[in-house]
Amino acid sequence: MLIALNKPWGVLCQFTDRSTPPRPTLAAFALPPGVYPAGRLDRDSEGLLLLSDDGALAHRITDPRHKLPKTYWTQVEGTPDAGQLTALRDGVELRDGRTRAATVRTITAPTLWLRDPPVRHRKTVPDTWLELVLHEGRNRQVRRMTAAVGLPTLRLVRVAIGPWRLGDLAPGHWRKVND
């Protein structure tokens, strides 16, 4: 079984949390028993999270050797210039090494659900939406890449993993998908 969940902002990609006070987890979404995340999304990221009760399928989704592209929409602070976009496309040097080449383009601000809490806006600094397609999945990679080129991420939404798309799934809702 494969489940697509629209993970809301602030939710951990695990079913329990031992913090005090406890933070929101996947346990809040009445998911079918026995499913576990196939990959992760940071607490402050939103969007498509795949869950499965099939360990081999989960491994195939997350293993970099299968090169499943992951598509993100990110709202960044500032207006990217050609050099910044080229750097993101060619790969950015991070502390843990150079990132692989990515597909990057500016996009019109997508129609998304309201986020709680809302994204901070500065009247004197414009923001831009980018679509990034990555073929690797390092910890906080999109945020680190955009920051490295001088474009801090304000909001990050994963909209696709390989052939699976978020579509019109509302935050906190899930559906079974074909695997």
N, C-alpha and C. Protein backbone atom coordinates (compact mmCIF):
# COMPACT_ATOMS: atom_id res chain seq x y z
N MET A 1 0.86 -1.19 0.00
CA MET A 1 0.00 0.00 0.00
C MET A 1 0.89 1.24 0.00
N LEU A 2 0.48 2.22 -0.76
CA LEU A 2 1.21 3.49 -0.81
C LEU A 2 0.22 4.61 -0.55
N ILE A 3 0.59 5.49 0.37
CA ILE A 3 -0.26 6.61 0.80
C ILE A 3 0.45 7.92 0.47
N ALA A 4 -0.30 8.87 -0.07
CA ALA A 4 0.20 10.23 -0.27
C ALA A 4 -0.45 11.11 0.79
N LEU A 5 0.34 11.80 1.57
CA LEU A 5 -0.13 12.72 2.61
C LEU A 5 0.38 14.11 2.29
N ASN A 6 -0.49 15.10 2.47
CA ASN A 6 -0.04 16.49 2.40
C ASN A 6 0.34 16.88 3.82
N LYS A 7 1.65 16.80 4.11
CA LYS A 7 2.13 17.09 5.46
C LYS A 7 2.08 18.58 5.72
N PRO A 8 1.35 18.98 6.75
CA PRO A 8 1.31 20.41 7.09
C PRO A 8 2.63 20.89 7.70
N TRP A 9 2.80 22.19 7.67
CA TRP A 9 3.94 22.83 8.32
C TRP A 9 3.89 22.51 9.82
N GLY A 10 5.04 22.27 10.42
CA GLY A 10 5.14 22.06 11.86
C GLY A 10 4.95 20.63 12.32
N VAL A 11 4.68 19.71 11.41
CA VAL A 11 4.46 18.31 11.77
C VAL A 11 5.75 17.53 11.55
N LEU A 12 6.10 16.67 12.52
CA LEU A 12 7.27 15.82 12.40
C LEU A 12 6.94 14.60 11.54
N CYS A 13 7.90 14.10 10.78
CA CYS A 13 7.71 12.90 9.94
C CYS A 13 7.98 11.63 10.74
N GLN A 14 7.33 11.52 11.87
CA GLN A 14 7.40 10.34 12.72
C GLN A 14 6.09 10.25 13.49
N PHE A 15 5.87 9.11 14.14
CA PHE A 15 4.59 8.90 14.80
C PHE A 15 4.61 9.23 16.29
N THR A 16 5.77 9.40 16.87
CA THR A 16 5.86 9.76 18.29
C THR A 16 6.88 10.87 18.46
N ASP A 17 6.75 11.61 19.57
CA ASP A 17 7.71 12.66 19.89
C ASP A 17 7.86 12.69 21.40
N ARG A 18 9.07 12.62 21.85
CA ARG A 18 9.33 12.60 23.30
C ARG A 18 9.69 13.97 23.86
N SER A 19 9.53 15.00 23.04
CA SER A 19 9.82 16.36 23.50
C SER A 19 8.78 16.81 24.51
N THR A 20 9.15 17.78 25.30
CA THR A 20 8.21 18.39 26.23
C THR A 20 8.14 19.87 25.91
N PRO A 21 7.00 20.39 25.50
CA PRO A 21 5.77 19.65 25.22
C PRO A 21 5.92 18.90 23.89
N PRO A 22 5.12 17.84 23.70
CA PRO A 22 5.22 17.08 22.45
C PRO A 22 4.82 17.94 21.24
N ARG A 23 5.49 17.70 20.14
CA ARG A 23 5.18 18.40 18.89
C ARG A 23 4.24 17.54 18.04
N PRO A 24 3.52 18.14 17.10
CA PRO A 24 2.61 17.37 16.25
C PRO A 24 3.38 16.32 15.43
N THR A 25 2.78 15.14 15.29
CA THR A 25 3.39 14.05 14.54
C THR A 25 2.38 13.46 13.54
N LEU A 26 2.81 12.46 12.80
CA LEU A 26 1.95 11.79 11.84
C LEU A 26 0.80 11.03 12.51
N ALA A 27 0.92 10.78 13.80
CA ALA A 27 -0.13 10.06 14.52
C ALA A 27 -1.46 10.81 14.47
N ALA A 28 -1.45 12.09 14.20
CA ALA A 28 -2.67 12.91 14.21
C ALA A 28 -3.55 12.73 12.97
N PHE A 29 -3.10 11.94 11.98
CA PHE A 29 -3.81 11.93 10.70
C PHE A 29 -4.57 10.64 10.39
N ALA A 30 -4.80 9.79 11.36
CA ALA A 30 -5.59 8.56 11.20
C ALA A 30 -5.15 7.77 9.96
N LEU A 31 -3.85 7.59 9.82
CA LEU A 31 -3.31 6.83 8.70
C LEU A 31 -3.55 5.34 8.92
N PRO A 32 -3.57 4.55 7.85
CA PRO A 32 -3.75 3.11 8.02
C PRO A 32 -2.62 2.52 8.87
N PRO A 33 -2.91 1.48 9.64
CA PRO A 33 -1.86 0.90 10.48
C PRO A 33 -0.75 0.28 9.64
N GLY A 34 0.46 0.35 10.16
CA GLY A 34 1.59 -0.31 9.53
C GLY A 34 2.29 0.47 8.43
N VAL A 35 1.88 1.71 8.17
CA VAL A 35 2.58 2.50 7.16
C VAL A 35 3.63 3.37 7.82
N TYR A 36 4.73 3.58 7.09
CA TYR A 36 5.83 4.39 7.59
C TYR A 36 6.31 5.30 6.46
N PRO A 37 6.87 6.45 6.82
CA PRO A 37 7.32 7.39 5.79
C PRO A 37 8.41 6.81 4.89
N ALA A 38 8.26 7.03 3.60
CA ALA A 38 9.30 6.69 2.63
C ALA A 38 10.04 7.99 2.35
N GLY A 39 10.95 8.33 3.24
CA GLY A 39 11.66 9.59 3.17
C GLY A 39 11.13 10.54 4.22
N ARG A 40 11.63 11.76 4.18
CA ARG A 40 11.27 12.73 5.20
C ARG A 40 11.01 14.09 4.58
N LEU A 41 10.32 14.90 5.34
CA LEU A 41 10.19 16.33 5.07
C LEU A 41 10.46 17.01 6.40
N ASP A 42 11.27 18.06 6.38
CA ASP A 42 11.56 18.77 7.62
C ASP A 42 10.28 19.29 8.25
N ARG A 43 10.35 19.53 9.53
CA ARG A 43 9.20 20.05 10.28
C ARG A 43 8.67 21.34 9.67
N ASP A 44 9.56 22.19 9.16
CA ASP A 44 9.13 23.47 8.62
C ASP A 44 8.95 23.45 7.10
N SER A 45 8.80 22.25 6.54
CA SER A 45 8.46 22.09 5.12
C SER A 45 7.09 21.45 5.03
N GLU A 46 6.46 21.62 3.87
CA GLU A 46 5.10 21.15 3.68
C GLU A 46 5.04 20.30 2.42
N GLY A 47 3.91 19.61 2.26
CA GLY A 47 3.65 18.98 0.98
C GLY A 47 3.71 17.47 1.00
N LEU A 48 4.03 16.91 -0.16
CA LEU A 48 3.91 15.48 -0.40
C LEU A 48 4.86 14.66 0.44
N LEU A 49 4.28 13.75 1.21
CA LEU A 49 5.02 12.74 1.95
C LEU A 49 4.39 11.40 1.57
N LEU A 50 5.22 10.47 1.11
CA LEU A 50 4.73 9.14 0.78
C LEU A 50 4.96 8.22 1.97
N LEU A 51 3.98 7.37 2.24
CA LEU A 51 4.08 6.39 3.32
C LEU A 51 3.70 5.03 2.75
N SER A 52 4.34 3.97 3.25
CA SER A 52 4.06 2.65 2.73
C SER A 52 4.19 1.60 3.83
N ASP A 53 3.49 0.49 3.62
CA ASP A 53 3.66 -0.67 4.50
C ASP A 53 4.58 -1.70 3.85
N ASP A 54 5.14 -1.37 2.71
CA ASP A 54 6.02 -2.24 1.94
C ASP A 54 7.44 -1.70 2.01
N GLY A 55 8.29 -2.37 2.78
CA GLY A 55 9.66 -1.90 2.97
C GLY A 55 10.46 -1.81 1.68
N ALA A 56 10.26 -2.76 0.78
CA ALA A 56 10.99 -2.73 -0.49
C ALA A 56 10.58 -1.53 -1.34
N LEU A 57 9.29 -1.22 -1.35
CA LEU A 57 8.81 -0.05 -2.09
C LEU A 57 9.36 1.23 -1.46
N ALA A 58 9.31 1.32 -0.14
CA ALA A 58 9.83 2.51 0.54
C ALA A 58 11.31 2.70 0.22
N HIS A 59 12.06 1.60 0.19
CA HIS A 59 13.49 1.68 -0.13
C HIS A 59 13.68 2.15 -1.57
N ARG A 60 12.87 1.63 -2.50
CA ARG A 60 12.98 2.04 -3.91
C ARG A 60 12.70 3.53 -4.06
N ILE A 61 11.76 4.05 -3.28
CA ILE A 61 11.41 5.48 -3.36
C ILE A 61 12.54 6.35 -2.83
N THR A 62 13.19 5.91 -1.76
CA THR A 62 14.18 6.76 -1.09
C THR A 62 15.62 6.53 -1.55
N ASP A 63 15.93 5.39 -2.14
CA ASP A 63 17.30 5.08 -2.50
C ASP A 63 17.77 5.96 -3.66
N PRO A 64 18.87 6.71 -3.48
CA PRO A 64 19.36 7.60 -4.53
C PRO A 64 19.73 6.88 -5.83
N ARG A 65 20.01 5.58 -5.75
CA ARG A 65 20.37 4.84 -6.98
C ARG A 65 19.21 4.78 -7.97
N HIS A 66 17.97 4.93 -7.46
CA HIS A 66 16.81 4.90 -8.35
C HIS A 66 16.52 6.27 -8.95
N LYS A 67 17.20 7.30 -8.44
CA LYS A 67 17.15 8.65 -9.01
C LYS A 67 15.73 9.17 -9.24
N LEU A 68 14.83 8.93 -8.30
CA LEU A 68 13.50 9.49 -8.42
C LEU A 68 13.59 11.00 -8.21
N PRO A 69 13.16 11.78 -9.18
CA PRO A 69 13.21 13.24 -8.99
C PRO A 69 12.22 13.69 -7.92
N LYS A 70 12.62 14.68 -7.18
CA LYS A 70 11.75 15.30 -6.17
C LYS A 70 11.56 16.75 -6.59
N THR A 71 10.30 17.17 -6.70
CA THR A 71 9.99 18.51 -7.18
C THR A 71 9.49 19.36 -6.02
N TYR A 72 10.10 20.52 -5.87
CA TYR A 72 9.77 21.45 -4.79
C TYR A 72 9.40 22.80 -5.37
N TRP A 73 8.46 23.46 -4.73
CA TRP A 73 8.20 24.87 -4.98
C TRP A 73 8.71 25.61 -3.75
N THR A 74 9.58 26.56 -3.96
CA THR A 74 10.13 27.30 -2.84
C THR A 74 9.98 28.80 -3.06
N GLN A 75 9.51 29.45 -2.03
CA GLN A 75 9.40 30.91 -2.03
C GLN A 75 10.68 31.42 -1.39
N VAL A 76 11.43 32.23 -2.15
CA VAL A 76 12.69 32.74 -1.64
C VAL A 76 12.62 34.24 -1.46
N GLU A 77 13.45 34.73 -0.57
CA GLU A 77 13.54 36.16 -0.34
C GLU A 77 14.49 36.74 -1.37
N GLY A 78 14.01 37.71 -2.13
CA GLY A 78 14.84 38.34 -3.15
C GLY A 78 14.40 37.94 -4.54
N THR A 79 15.07 38.54 -5.52
CA THR A 79 14.82 38.25 -6.93
C THR A 79 16.09 37.64 -7.50
N PRO A 80 16.03 36.37 -7.89
CA PRO A 80 17.26 35.73 -8.37
C PRO A 80 17.75 36.33 -9.68
N ASP A 81 19.06 36.44 -9.79
CA ASP A 81 19.65 36.87 -11.06
C ASP A 81 20.12 35.62 -11.81
N ALA A 82 20.58 35.82 -13.03
CA ALA A 82 20.99 34.69 -13.87
C ALA A 82 22.10 33.87 -13.21
N GLY A 83 23.03 34.54 -12.53
CA GLY A 83 24.13 33.83 -11.88
C GLY A 83 23.65 32.93 -10.75
N GLN A 84 22.70 33.40 -9.98
CA GLN A 84 22.17 32.58 -8.89
C GLN A 84 21.43 31.36 -9.43
N LEU A 85 20.63 31.55 -10.48
CA LEU A 85 19.91 30.43 -11.07
C LEU A 85 20.88 29.42 -11.69
N THR A 86 21.93 29.91 -12.35
CA THR A 86 22.93 29.02 -12.93
C THR A 86 23.63 28.23 -11.84
N ALA A 87 23.97 28.88 -10.74
CA ALA A 87 24.63 28.18 -9.63
C ALA A 87 23.74 27.06 -9.09
N LEU A 88 22.45 27.34 -8.91
CA LEU A 88 21.53 26.31 -8.43
C LEU A 88 21.44 25.15 -9.43
N ARG A 89 21.43 25.47 -10.70
CA ARG A 89 21.33 24.43 -11.75
C ARG A 89 22.59 23.58 -11.81
N ASP A 90 23.75 24.21 -11.67
CA ASP A 90 25.02 23.50 -11.83
C ASP A 90 25.42 22.71 -10.59
N GLY A 91 24.85 23.06 -9.44
CA GLY A 91 25.24 22.42 -8.18
C GLY A 91 25.94 23.44 -7.30
N VAL A 92 25.61 23.40 -6.04
CA VAL A 92 26.11 24.37 -5.07
C VAL A 92 27.04 23.65 -4.10
N GLU A 93 28.13 24.32 -3.75
CA GLU A 93 29.05 23.75 -2.77
C GLU A 93 28.49 23.98 -1.37
N LEU A 94 28.21 22.88 -0.66
CA LEU A 94 27.73 22.93 0.72
C LEU A 94 28.79 22.30 1.62
N ARG A 95 28.61 22.39 2.93
CA ARG A 95 29.59 21.83 3.85
C ARG A 95 29.81 20.33 3.64
N ASP A 96 28.77 19.63 3.21
CA ASP A 96 28.88 18.19 3.00
C ASP A 96 29.14 17.83 1.54
N GLY A 97 29.64 18.78 0.76
CA GLY A 97 30.01 18.52 -0.62
C GLY A 97 29.11 19.23 -1.61
N ARG A 98 29.46 19.11 -2.85
CA ARG A 98 28.73 19.77 -3.94
C ARG A 98 27.44 19.00 -4.23
N THR A 99 26.36 19.74 -4.45
CA THR A 99 25.09 19.11 -4.80
C THR A 99 25.12 18.72 -6.27
N ARG A 100 24.29 17.77 -6.62
CA ARG A 100 24.15 17.38 -8.03
C ARG A 100 23.45 18.50 -8.79
N ALA A 101 23.57 18.46 -10.10
CA ALA A 101 22.86 19.41 -10.95
C ALA A 101 21.36 19.27 -10.70
N ALA A 102 20.65 20.38 -10.78
CA ALA A 102 19.21 20.41 -10.54
C ALA A 102 18.54 21.18 -11.67
N THR A 103 17.28 20.91 -11.84
CA THR A 103 16.48 21.71 -12.77
C THR A 103 15.86 22.83 -11.94
N VAL A 104 16.03 24.07 -12.38
CA VAL A 104 15.54 25.22 -11.62
C VAL A 104 14.91 26.21 -12.58
N ARG A 105 13.74 26.70 -12.20
CA ARG A 105 13.10 27.76 -13.00
C ARG A 105 12.26 28.62 -12.07
N THR A 106 12.09 29.87 -12.44
CA THR A 106 11.17 30.73 -11.70
C THR A 106 9.75 30.38 -12.15
N ILE A 107 8.80 30.47 -11.21
CA ILE A 107 7.40 30.19 -11.53
C ILE A 107 6.53 31.30 -10.96
N THR A 108 5.34 31.40 -11.49
CA THR A 108 4.35 32.32 -10.94
C THR A 108 3.96 31.80 -9.57
N ALA A 109 3.69 32.69 -8.65
CA ALA A 109 3.29 32.27 -7.30
C ALA A 109 2.13 31.28 -7.39
N PRO A 110 2.31 30.06 -6.88
CA PRO A 110 1.24 29.07 -6.99
C PRO A 110 0.09 29.39 -6.04
N THR A 111 -1.08 28.87 -6.37
CA THR A 111 -2.22 29.00 -5.48
C THR A 111 -2.13 27.87 -4.46
N LEU A 112 -1.80 28.22 -3.25
CA LEU A 112 -1.63 27.24 -2.18
C LEU A 112 -2.55 27.57 -1.02
N TRP A 113 -2.70 26.64 -0.13
CA TRP A 113 -3.44 26.84 1.11
C TRP A 113 -2.71 27.87 1.96
N LEU A 114 -3.44 28.50 2.88
CA LEU A 114 -2.81 29.42 3.83
C LEU A 114 -1.98 28.62 4.81
N ARG A 115 -0.86 29.16 5.18
CA ARG A 115 -0.01 28.47 6.14
C ARG A 115 -0.20 29.09 7.51
N ASP A 116 -0.21 28.24 8.53
CA ASP A 116 -0.31 28.72 9.90
C ASP A 116 0.92 28.23 10.66
N PRO A 117 1.82 29.12 11.05
CA PRO A 117 1.78 30.57 10.95
C PRO A 117 2.10 31.04 9.54
N PRO A 118 1.64 32.23 9.19
CA PRO A 118 1.92 32.73 7.84
C PRO A 118 3.40 33.01 7.64
N VAL A 119 3.80 33.02 6.38
CA VAL A 119 5.17 33.36 6.01
C VAL A 119 5.37 34.84 6.28
N ARG A 120 6.52 35.19 6.84
CA ARG A 120 6.81 36.61 7.09
C ARG A 120 7.13 37.31 5.78
N HIS A 121 6.63 38.50 5.64
CA HIS A 121 6.91 39.29 4.43
C HIS A 121 7.51 40.61 4.86
N ARG A 122 8.53 41.04 4.11
CA ARG A 122 9.12 42.36 4.34
C ARG A 122 8.74 43.23 3.16
N LYS A 123 8.14 44.35 3.44
CA LYS A 123 7.65 45.23 2.37
C LYS A 123 8.77 45.73 1.47
N THR A 124 9.98 45.80 1.99
CA THR A 124 11.09 46.35 1.21
C THR A 124 11.87 45.29 0.43
N VAL A 125 11.56 44.01 0.65
CA VAL A 125 12.30 42.93 -0.01
C VAL A 125 11.32 42.08 -0.81
N PRO A 126 11.51 42.00 -2.12
CA PRO A 126 10.60 41.16 -2.92
C PRO A 126 10.85 39.68 -2.65
N ASP A 127 9.89 38.86 -3.04
CA ASP A 127 10.11 37.43 -2.97
C ASP A 127 9.78 36.82 -4.32
N THR A 128 10.30 35.63 -4.55
CA THR A 128 10.15 34.94 -5.83
C THR A 128 9.89 33.46 -5.56
N TRP A 129 9.10 32.84 -6.41
CA TRP A 129 8.87 31.40 -6.33
C TRP A 129 9.74 30.70 -7.36
N LEU A 130 10.38 29.62 -6.93
CA LEU A 130 11.20 28.79 -7.79
C LEU A 130 10.66 27.36 -7.76
N GLU A 131 10.84 26.66 -8.87
CA GLU A 131 10.61 25.22 -8.88
C GLU A 131 11.97 24.57 -9.02
N LEU A 132 12.28 23.67 -8.10
CA LEU A 132 13.55 22.94 -8.13
C LEU A 132 13.23 21.45 -8.23
N VAL A 133 13.91 20.78 -9.14
CA VAL A 133 13.79 19.33 -9.26
C VAL A 133 15.16 18.75 -8.91
N LEU A 134 15.19 17.96 -7.82
CA LEU A 134 16.44 17.38 -7.32
C LEU A 134 16.44 15.87 -7.54
N HIS A 135 17.64 15.33 -7.64
CA HIS A 135 17.80 13.88 -7.79
C HIS A 135 18.58 13.31 -6.62
N GLU A 136 18.60 14.02 -5.54
CA GLU A 136 19.23 13.56 -4.30
C GLU A 136 18.42 14.14 -3.15
N GLY A 137 18.66 13.70 -1.96
CA GLY A 137 17.84 14.16 -0.85
C GLY A 137 18.64 14.38 0.42
N ARG A 138 19.49 15.35 0.40
CA ARG A 138 20.26 15.67 1.61
C ARG A 138 19.40 16.42 2.62
N ASN A 139 19.85 16.40 3.85
CA ASN A 139 19.14 17.09 4.92
C ASN A 139 19.03 18.59 4.61
N ARG A 140 17.80 19.09 4.59
CA ARG A 140 17.51 20.51 4.38
C ARG A 140 18.18 21.06 3.12
N GLN A 141 18.27 20.24 2.10
CA GLN A 141 19.05 20.58 0.91
C GLN A 141 18.55 21.82 0.18
N VAL A 142 17.26 21.92 -0.09
CA VAL A 142 16.77 23.08 -0.83
C VAL A 142 17.07 24.36 -0.05
N ARG A 143 16.79 24.36 1.23
CA ARG A 143 17.04 25.54 2.06
C ARG A 143 18.53 25.92 2.04
N ARG A 144 19.39 24.92 2.15
CA ARG A 144 20.83 25.19 2.16
C ARG A 144 21.31 25.68 0.80
N MET A 145 20.75 25.12 -0.28
CA MET A 145 21.15 25.55 -1.63
C MET A 145 20.75 26.99 -1.88
N THR A 146 19.50 27.33 -1.58
CA THR A 146 19.06 28.70 -1.86
C THR A 146 19.80 29.70 -0.97
N ALA A 147 20.05 29.33 0.27
CA ALA A 147 20.81 30.22 1.16
C ALA A 147 22.23 30.42 0.65
N ALA A 148 22.84 29.37 0.12
CA ALA A 148 24.22 29.45 -0.37
C ALA A 148 24.37 30.43 -1.52
N VAL A 149 23.28 30.67 -2.27
CA VAL A 149 23.36 31.62 -3.38
C VAL A 149 22.72 32.96 -3.02
N GLY A 150 22.41 33.15 -1.73
CA GLY A 150 21.89 34.44 -1.28
C GLY A 150 20.39 34.61 -1.41
N LEU A 151 19.65 33.51 -1.46
CA LEU A 151 18.19 33.56 -1.58
C LEU A 151 17.56 32.71 -0.47
N PRO A 152 17.43 33.25 0.73
CA PRO A 152 16.88 32.45 1.83
C PRO A 152 15.45 31.96 1.52
N THR A 153 15.19 30.72 1.87
CA THR A 153 13.87 30.13 1.67
C THR A 153 12.90 30.63 2.73
N LEU A 154 11.74 31.07 2.28
CA LEU A 154 10.67 31.50 3.18
C LEU A 154 9.62 30.40 3.36
N ARG A 155 9.34 29.68 2.29
CA ARG A 155 8.34 28.60 2.32
C ARG A 155 8.80 27.52 1.35
N LEU A 156 8.60 26.26 1.76
CA LEU A 156 9.05 25.14 0.93
C LEU A 156 7.96 24.08 0.90
N VAL A 157 7.52 23.73 -0.33
CA VAL A 157 6.45 22.76 -0.53
C VAL A 157 6.93 21.71 -1.53
N ARG A 158 6.92 20.44 -1.11
CA ARG A 158 7.24 19.37 -2.08
C ARG A 158 5.96 19.00 -2.80
N VAL A 159 6.00 19.02 -4.12
CA VAL A 159 4.80 18.77 -4.91
C VAL A 159 4.84 17.45 -5.68
N ALA A 160 6.01 16.81 -5.77
CA ALA A 160 6.08 15.54 -6.47
C ALA A 160 7.31 14.75 -6.05
N ILE A 161 7.14 13.43 -6.10
CA ILE A 161 8.25 12.48 -5.95
C ILE A 161 8.07 11.49 -7.08
N GLY A 162 9.01 11.50 -8.03
CA GLY A 162 8.87 10.62 -9.19
C GLY A 162 7.52 10.85 -9.86
N PRO A 163 6.75 9.79 -10.08
CA PRO A 163 5.45 9.93 -10.76
C PRO A 163 4.31 10.36 -9.84
N TRP A 164 4.56 10.41 -8.55
CA TRP A 164 3.49 10.73 -7.59
C TRP A 164 3.45 12.22 -7.33
N ARG A 165 2.25 12.80 -7.47
CA ARG A 165 2.07 14.25 -7.34
C ARG A 165 1.12 14.56 -6.18
N LEU A 166 1.33 15.72 -5.59
CA LEU A 166 0.47 16.19 -4.50
C LEU A 166 -0.94 16.50 -5.01
N GLY A 167 -1.01 17.12 -6.18
CA GLY A 167 -2.31 17.46 -6.75
C GLY A 167 -3.08 18.40 -5.84
N ASP A 168 -4.38 18.16 -5.70
CA ASP A 168 -5.24 19.05 -4.91
C ASP A 168 -5.47 18.54 -3.49
N LEU A 169 -4.61 17.67 -3.01
CA LEU A 169 -4.73 17.12 -1.66
C LEU A 169 -4.54 18.23 -0.63
N ALA A 170 -5.50 18.39 0.25
CA ALA A 170 -5.46 19.46 1.25
C ALA A 170 -4.49 19.11 2.38
N PRO A 171 -3.92 20.09 3.06
CA PRO A 171 -3.02 19.81 4.17
C PRO A 171 -3.70 18.94 5.23
N GLY A 172 -2.96 17.92 5.68
CA GLY A 172 -3.47 17.01 6.71
C GLY A 172 -4.33 15.89 6.16
N HIS A 173 -4.57 15.88 4.86
CA HIS A 173 -5.37 14.81 4.24
C HIS A 173 -4.46 13.84 3.50
N TRP A 174 -4.96 12.64 3.28
CA TRP A 174 -4.18 11.63 2.58
C TRP A 174 -5.10 10.81 1.67
N ARG A 175 -4.46 10.12 0.74
CA ARG A 175 -5.18 9.22 -0.16
C ARG A 175 -4.27 8.05 -0.52
N LYS A 176 -4.87 6.91 -0.85
CA LYS A 176 -4.12 5.78 -1.37
C LYS A 176 -3.76 6.08 -2.82
N VAL A 177 -2.56 5.70 -3.21
CA VAL A 177 -2.14 5.88 -4.59
C VAL A 177 -1.65 4.56 -5.14
N ASN A 178 -1.61 4.45 -6.45
CA ASN A 178 -1.10 3.24 -7.08
C ASN A 178 0.41 3.19 -6.95
N ASP A 179 0.92 2.04 -6.59
CA ASP A 179 2.37 1.86 -6.51
C ASP A 179 2.76 1.00 -7.65
